[in-house]
Amino acid sequence: MEGWNRILKEPEFKKDGMIDKLIKFIEGFKRYILNLRMDPEIKIFIGGENPFSKIQEFSVILMKCNLKNQDEGIVSCVGPKRMSYNEIMDKIKIVKNILEK
């Protein structure tokens, strides 16, 4: 889990209660992801589309990753709904490829 200092600098977090919402969102995400079985396709959940939290201010992009030791992993990004989805998807694919090598 990296990049929290960057996300907290985004304009959304100047609003009261947004940090608490982010923490609750991430807690729900962490519980959900432990039991998640994914196909190889990248998944995008925008706001209220996500299946693990009723908090609608954030989005998640996920992709399955097959690690060398035969374990399955997931590369993901949590951010505000206005994040650059194409840029984040490209970065997730790069990280996935690095982890699989």
N, C-alpha and C. Protein backbone atom coordinates (compact mmCIF):
# COMPACT_ATOMS: atom_id res chain seq x y z
N MET A 1 0.86 -1.17 0.00
CA MET A 1 0.00 0.00 0.00
C MET A 1 0.90 1.23 0.00
N GLU A 2 0.84 1.93 -1.09
CA GLU A 2 1.70 3.10 -1.29
C GLU A 2 0.89 4.28 -1.79
N GLY A 3 1.45 5.46 -1.66
CA GLY A 3 0.87 6.65 -2.27
C GLY A 3 -0.16 7.40 -1.46
N TRP A 4 -0.32 7.05 -0.19
CA TRP A 4 -1.35 7.70 0.62
C TRP A 4 -1.10 9.19 0.77
N ASN A 5 0.17 9.58 0.85
CA ASN A 5 0.46 11.01 0.98
C ASN A 5 -0.01 11.78 -0.25
N ARG A 6 0.05 11.17 -1.42
CA ARG A 6 -0.41 11.83 -2.65
C ARG A 6 -1.93 11.96 -2.68
N ILE A 7 -2.62 10.90 -2.32
CA ILE A 7 -4.09 10.95 -2.41
C ILE A 7 -4.65 11.94 -1.39
N LEU A 8 -4.03 12.06 -0.24
CA LEU A 8 -4.54 12.97 0.78
C LEU A 8 -4.34 14.44 0.41
N LYS A 9 -3.51 14.72 -0.58
CA LYS A 9 -3.30 16.09 -1.06
C LYS A 9 -4.34 16.50 -2.11
N GLU A 10 -5.16 15.56 -2.56
CA GLU A 10 -6.17 15.86 -3.57
C GLU A 10 -7.26 16.76 -2.98
N PRO A 11 -7.90 17.59 -3.82
CA PRO A 11 -8.90 18.56 -3.33
C PRO A 11 -10.06 17.94 -2.56
N GLU A 12 -10.44 16.71 -2.91
CA GLU A 12 -11.56 16.06 -2.22
C GLU A 12 -11.33 15.96 -0.71
N PHE A 13 -10.09 15.86 -0.30
CA PHE A 13 -9.79 15.61 1.10
C PHE A 13 -9.74 16.87 1.94
N LYS A 14 -10.04 18.00 1.35
CA LYS A 14 -10.18 19.24 2.11
C LYS A 14 -11.57 19.32 2.75
N LYS A 15 -12.48 18.49 2.27
CA LYS A 15 -13.84 18.45 2.82
C LYS A 15 -13.84 17.67 4.13
N ASP A 16 -14.66 18.11 5.08
CA ASP A 16 -14.77 17.42 6.36
C ASP A 16 -15.26 15.98 6.17
N GLY A 17 -14.63 15.08 6.87
CA GLY A 17 -15.05 13.69 6.89
C GLY A 17 -14.52 12.83 5.76
N MET A 18 -13.84 13.41 4.78
CA MET A 18 -13.38 12.62 3.64
C MET A 18 -12.29 11.62 4.01
N ILE A 19 -11.42 11.98 4.91
CA ILE A 19 -10.37 11.03 5.32
C ILE A 19 -11.00 9.84 6.03
N ASP A 20 -12.00 10.10 6.87
CA ASP A 20 -12.71 9.00 7.53
C ASP A 20 -13.41 8.10 6.51
N LYS A 21 -14.01 8.72 5.49
CA LYS A 21 -14.67 7.93 4.44
C LYS A 21 -13.65 7.07 3.70
N LEU A 22 -12.48 7.64 3.42
CA LEU A 22 -11.45 6.87 2.73
C LEU A 22 -11.01 5.68 3.58
N ILE A 23 -10.82 5.88 4.85
CA ILE A 23 -10.40 4.78 5.74
C ILE A 23 -11.46 3.68 5.76
N LYS A 24 -12.73 4.04 5.87
CA LYS A 24 -13.81 3.04 5.85
C LYS A 24 -13.86 2.32 4.51
N PHE A 25 -13.67 3.08 3.44
CA PHE A 25 -13.67 2.49 2.10
C PHE A 25 -12.56 1.45 1.98
N ILE A 26 -11.37 1.80 2.42
CA ILE A 26 -10.22 0.90 2.32
C ILE A 26 -10.41 -0.33 3.21
N GLU A 27 -10.97 -0.15 4.39
CA GLU A 27 -11.24 -1.30 5.26
C GLU A 27 -12.20 -2.27 4.58
N GLY A 28 -13.26 -1.78 3.97
CA GLY A 28 -14.19 -2.63 3.24
C GLY A 28 -13.51 -3.31 2.06
N PHE A 29 -12.68 -2.56 1.36
CA PHE A 29 -11.94 -3.09 0.22
C PHE A 29 -11.01 -4.21 0.65
N LYS A 30 -10.29 -4.02 1.74
CA LYS A 30 -9.35 -5.04 2.21
C LYS A 30 -10.07 -6.33 2.59
N ARG A 31 -11.23 -6.21 3.24
CA ARG A 31 -12.00 -7.42 3.59
C ARG A 31 -12.50 -8.11 2.33
N TYR A 32 -12.97 -7.36 1.38
CA TYR A 32 -13.51 -7.90 0.13
C TYR A 32 -12.43 -8.59 -0.69
N ILE A 33 -11.29 -7.97 -0.79
CA ILE A 33 -10.23 -8.46 -1.68
C ILE A 33 -9.63 -9.78 -1.19
N LEU A 34 -9.71 -10.05 0.11
CA LEU A 34 -9.17 -11.31 0.65
C LEU A 34 -9.86 -12.53 0.05
N ASN A 35 -11.11 -12.40 -0.31
CA ASN A 35 -11.88 -13.52 -0.86
C ASN A 35 -12.16 -13.38 -2.35
N LEU A 36 -11.57 -12.41 -2.97
CA LEU A 36 -11.85 -12.13 -4.37
C LEU A 36 -11.13 -13.11 -5.29
N ARG A 37 -11.86 -13.67 -6.20
CA ARG A 37 -11.28 -14.50 -7.26
C ARG A 37 -11.59 -13.79 -8.56
N MET A 38 -10.55 -13.49 -9.30
CA MET A 38 -10.73 -12.68 -10.50
C MET A 38 -10.33 -13.42 -11.75
N ASP A 39 -10.94 -13.03 -12.85
CA ASP A 39 -10.45 -13.46 -14.15
C ASP A 39 -9.32 -12.50 -14.54
N PRO A 40 -8.63 -12.75 -15.64
CA PRO A 40 -7.45 -11.93 -15.98
C PRO A 40 -7.76 -10.50 -16.43
N GLU A 41 -9.01 -10.18 -16.65
CA GLU A 41 -9.36 -8.84 -17.16
C GLU A 41 -9.26 -7.79 -16.06
N ILE A 42 -8.92 -6.59 -16.45
CA ILE A 42 -8.88 -5.46 -15.52
C ILE A 42 -10.31 -5.09 -15.14
N LYS A 43 -10.51 -4.76 -13.88
CA LYS A 43 -11.84 -4.40 -13.38
C LYS A 43 -11.82 -2.96 -12.89
N ILE A 44 -12.88 -2.23 -13.19
CA ILE A 44 -13.00 -0.85 -12.75
C ILE A 44 -14.34 -0.69 -12.04
N PHE A 45 -14.29 -0.19 -10.82
CA PHE A 45 -15.50 0.09 -10.05
C PHE A 45 -15.49 1.59 -9.75
N ILE A 46 -16.44 2.31 -10.30
CA ILE A 46 -16.50 3.76 -10.13
C ILE A 46 -17.59 4.11 -9.12
N GLY A 47 -17.17 4.78 -8.07
CA GLY A 47 -18.12 5.24 -7.05
C GLY A 47 -18.99 4.13 -6.51
N GLY A 48 -20.30 4.30 -6.61
CA GLY A 48 -21.26 3.35 -6.06
C GLY A 48 -21.30 2.01 -6.75
N GLU A 49 -20.55 1.81 -7.84
CA GLU A 49 -20.52 0.52 -8.53
C GLU A 49 -19.75 -0.53 -7.74
N ASN A 50 -18.92 -0.10 -6.80
CA ASN A 50 -18.07 -1.07 -6.12
C ASN A 50 -18.91 -1.99 -5.24
N PRO A 51 -18.55 -3.25 -5.17
CA PRO A 51 -19.33 -4.24 -4.42
C PRO A 51 -18.96 -4.35 -2.95
N PHE A 52 -18.04 -3.56 -2.46
CA PHE A 52 -17.53 -3.77 -1.11
C PHE A 52 -17.74 -2.59 -0.18
N SER A 53 -18.35 -1.51 -0.62
CA SER A 53 -18.57 -0.37 0.25
C SER A 53 -19.72 0.47 -0.27
N LYS A 54 -20.45 1.07 0.64
CA LYS A 54 -21.53 1.97 0.25
C LYS A 54 -21.01 3.39 0.03
N ILE A 55 -19.74 3.60 0.29
CA ILE A 55 -19.14 4.91 0.11
C ILE A 55 -18.90 5.14 -1.38
N GLN A 56 -19.44 6.21 -1.91
CA GLN A 56 -19.47 6.42 -3.35
C GLN A 56 -18.44 7.42 -3.87
N GLU A 57 -17.63 7.99 -3.01
CA GLU A 57 -16.71 9.04 -3.45
C GLU A 57 -15.44 8.54 -4.13
N PHE A 58 -15.19 7.23 -4.09
CA PHE A 58 -13.93 6.69 -4.58
C PHE A 58 -14.14 5.63 -5.65
N SER A 59 -13.08 5.40 -6.41
CA SER A 59 -13.09 4.35 -7.43
C SER A 59 -11.92 3.42 -7.20
N VAL A 60 -12.03 2.21 -7.76
CA VAL A 60 -10.98 1.21 -7.64
C VAL A 60 -10.75 0.58 -9.01
N ILE A 61 -9.48 0.39 -9.33
CA ILE A 61 -9.11 -0.34 -10.54
C ILE A 61 -8.28 -1.53 -10.07
N LEU A 62 -8.64 -2.75 -10.52
CA LEU A 62 -7.97 -3.98 -10.06
C LEU A 62 -7.57 -4.85 -11.25
N MET A 63 -6.50 -5.61 -11.04
CA MET A 63 -6.10 -6.58 -12.06
C MET A 63 -5.40 -7.75 -11.37
N LYS A 64 -5.77 -8.95 -11.80
CA LYS A 64 -5.17 -10.18 -11.27
C LYS A 64 -3.70 -10.25 -11.68
N CYS A 65 -2.89 -10.82 -10.80
CA CYS A 65 -1.47 -10.95 -11.04
C CYS A 65 -1.03 -12.35 -10.60
N ASN A 66 -0.36 -13.08 -11.47
CA ASN A 66 0.15 -14.41 -11.13
C ASN A 66 1.63 -14.28 -10.77
N LEU A 67 1.92 -14.48 -9.51
CA LEU A 67 3.29 -14.33 -9.03
C LEU A 67 4.12 -15.57 -9.32
N LYS A 68 5.44 -15.42 -9.30
CA LYS A 68 6.34 -16.52 -9.63
C LYS A 68 6.13 -17.76 -8.77
N ASN A 69 5.82 -17.54 -7.50
CA ASN A 69 5.69 -18.68 -6.59
C ASN A 69 4.32 -19.35 -6.68
N GLN A 70 3.63 -19.12 -7.79
CA GLN A 70 2.33 -19.73 -8.08
C GLN A 70 1.18 -19.08 -7.32
N ASP A 71 1.48 -18.10 -6.47
CA ASP A 71 0.42 -17.40 -5.75
C ASP A 71 -0.28 -16.43 -6.68
N GLU A 72 -1.52 -16.16 -6.35
CA GLU A 72 -2.31 -15.18 -7.09
C GLU A 72 -2.31 -13.89 -6.29
N GLY A 73 -2.13 -12.79 -6.96
CA GLY A 73 -2.16 -11.49 -6.31
C GLY A 73 -3.07 -10.56 -7.09
N ILE A 74 -3.26 -9.37 -6.54
CA ILE A 74 -4.07 -8.36 -7.19
C ILE A 74 -3.34 -7.03 -7.08
N VAL A 75 -3.19 -6.38 -8.21
CA VAL A 75 -2.64 -5.03 -8.26
C VAL A 75 -3.84 -4.10 -8.35
N SER A 76 -3.86 -3.07 -7.50
CA SER A 76 -5.02 -2.19 -7.50
C SER A 76 -4.64 -0.75 -7.21
N CYS A 77 -5.56 0.13 -7.54
CA CYS A 77 -5.42 1.55 -7.25
C CYS A 77 -6.76 2.06 -6.74
N VAL A 78 -6.73 2.75 -5.61
CA VAL A 78 -7.91 3.40 -5.05
C VAL A 78 -7.69 4.90 -5.20
N GLY A 79 -8.69 5.61 -5.66
CA GLY A 79 -8.55 7.05 -5.81
C GLY A 79 -9.88 7.73 -5.95
N PRO A 80 -9.84 9.06 -6.12
CA PRO A 80 -11.09 9.80 -6.30
C PRO A 80 -11.73 9.44 -7.64
N LYS A 81 -13.03 9.63 -7.74
CA LYS A 81 -13.74 9.27 -8.98
C LYS A 81 -13.20 10.00 -10.20
N ARG A 82 -12.59 11.14 -10.04
CA ARG A 82 -12.10 11.92 -11.18
C ARG A 82 -10.68 11.54 -11.60
N MET A 83 -10.17 10.42 -11.08
CA MET A 83 -8.79 10.03 -11.45
C MET A 83 -8.69 9.72 -12.94
N SER A 84 -7.48 9.72 -13.44
CA SER A 84 -7.21 9.44 -14.85
C SER A 84 -7.20 7.92 -15.07
N TYR A 85 -8.35 7.36 -15.43
CA TYR A 85 -8.51 5.92 -15.51
C TYR A 85 -7.55 5.27 -16.50
N ASN A 86 -7.41 5.84 -17.68
CA ASN A 86 -6.52 5.25 -18.68
C ASN A 86 -5.07 5.23 -18.20
N GLU A 87 -4.63 6.31 -17.60
CA GLU A 87 -3.27 6.38 -17.08
C GLU A 87 -3.05 5.35 -15.97
N ILE A 88 -4.00 5.24 -15.06
CA ILE A 88 -3.89 4.28 -13.96
C ILE A 88 -3.91 2.84 -14.49
N MET A 89 -4.77 2.55 -15.46
CA MET A 89 -4.81 1.20 -16.03
C MET A 89 -3.47 0.84 -16.65
N ASP A 90 -2.86 1.78 -17.37
CA ASP A 90 -1.54 1.53 -17.96
C ASP A 90 -0.50 1.24 -16.88
N LYS A 91 -0.54 1.99 -15.79
CA LYS A 91 0.43 1.78 -14.70
C LYS A 91 0.21 0.45 -14.01
N ILE A 92 -1.05 0.08 -13.81
CA ILE A 92 -1.35 -1.22 -13.20
C ILE A 92 -0.82 -2.35 -14.07
N LYS A 93 -0.99 -2.25 -15.36
CA LYS A 93 -0.48 -3.28 -16.28
C LYS A 93 1.04 -3.38 -16.21
N ILE A 94 1.71 -2.24 -16.10
CA ILE A 94 3.17 -2.24 -15.98
C ILE A 94 3.61 -2.94 -14.69
N VAL A 95 2.97 -2.59 -13.57
CA VAL A 95 3.31 -3.21 -12.28
C VAL A 95 3.02 -4.70 -12.33
N LYS A 96 1.90 -5.09 -12.90
CA LYS A 96 1.55 -6.51 -13.04
C LYS A 96 2.64 -7.25 -13.80
N ASN A 97 3.08 -6.70 -14.93
CA ASN A 97 4.12 -7.35 -15.73
C ASN A 97 5.44 -7.48 -14.96
N ILE A 98 5.78 -6.47 -14.21
CA ILE A 98 7.01 -6.52 -13.40
C ILE A 98 6.89 -7.62 -12.34
N LEU A 99 5.76 -7.69 -11.66
CA LEU A 99 5.58 -8.68 -10.60
C LEU A 99 5.56 -10.11 -11.14
N GLU A 100 5.10 -10.28 -12.35
CA GLU A 100 5.01 -11.62 -12.92
C GLU A 100 6.35 -12.11 -13.49
N LYS A 101 7.33 -11.24 -13.63
CA LYS A 101 8.63 -11.65 -14.19
C LYS A 101 9.57 -12.17 -13.15
